């Protein structure tokens, strides 16, 4: 089976494309200092007051 038809490869490419699209939209809207990865951490902190560093990791 060709690599481009394997599920893991397709999921990896979809994740890459989504991250790039969101990062681009953030930059276009003046949020140059935040990325998808940072946003996930900030959201976890927002939703879980008192979350320990270990739990956050």
Protein backbone atom coordinates (compact mmCIF):
# COMPACT_ATOMS: atom_id res chain seq x y z
CA UNK A 1 0.00 0.00 0.00
CA UNK A 2 1.31 3.44 -0.88
CA UNK A 3 2.31 5.68 2.01
CA UNK A 4 -0.12 8.46 1.00
CA UNK A 5 -3.07 6.08 1.50
CA UNK A 6 -2.22 4.91 5.00
CA UNK A 7 -4.48 6.21 7.76
CA UNK A 8 -1.66 7.39 10.02
CA UNK A 9 -0.09 9.36 7.20
CA UNK A 10 -3.41 10.96 6.27
CA UNK A 11 -4.14 11.90 9.90
CA UNK A 12 -0.68 13.39 10.24
CA UNK A 13 -1.16 15.49 7.11
CA UNK A 14 -4.62 16.62 8.26
CA UNK A 15 -3.23 17.67 11.65
CA UNK A 16 -0.39 19.55 9.98
CA UNK A 17 -2.79 21.35 7.64
CA UNK A 18 -5.19 22.29 10.44
CA UNK A 19 -2.40 23.61 12.68
CA UNK A 20 -1.02 25.71 9.83
CA UNK A 21 -4.46 27.10 8.99
CA UNK A 22 -5.23 28.05 12.60
CA UNK A 23 -1.77 29.56 13.12
CA UNK A 24 -2.22 31.62 9.93
CA UNK A 25 -5.65 32.85 11.08
CA UNK A 26 -4.22 33.82 14.47
CA UNK A 27 -1.46 35.86 12.80
CA UNK A 28 -3.93 37.51 10.41
CA UNK A 29 -6.02 38.62 13.39
CA UNK A 30 -3.09 40.18 15.24
CA UNK A 31 -2.29 37.31 17.57
CA UNK A 32 1.30 36.77 16.47
CA UNK A 33 2.42 35.52 19.86
CA UNK A 34 0.11 32.51 20.19
CA UNK A 35 0.04 29.19 18.36
CA UNK A 36 -2.22 26.16 18.41
CA UNK A 37 0.01 24.49 21.00
CA UNK A 38 -0.05 27.52 23.32
CA UNK A 39 -3.79 27.89 22.87
CA UNK A 40 -4.38 24.30 24.04
CA UNK A 41 -2.44 24.98 27.23
CA UNK A 42 -4.23 28.27 27.86
CA UNK A 43 -7.61 26.63 27.32
CA UNK A 44 -6.76 23.84 29.77
CA UNK A 45 -5.77 26.45 32.35
CA UNK A 46 -8.95 28.45 31.73
CA UNK A 47 -11.23 25.43 32.13
CA UNK A 48 -9.47 23.85 35.09
CA UNK A 49 -8.74 26.39 37.79
CA UNK A 50 -6.18 25.02 40.22
CA UNK A 51 -4.73 22.51 37.75
CA UNK A 52 -1.27 21.42 38.82
CA UNK A 53 1.72 21.65 36.49
CA UNK A 54 1.91 17.84 36.48
CA UNK A 55 -1.74 17.47 35.50
CA UNK A 56 -1.38 20.15 32.86
CA UNK A 57 1.57 18.25 31.34
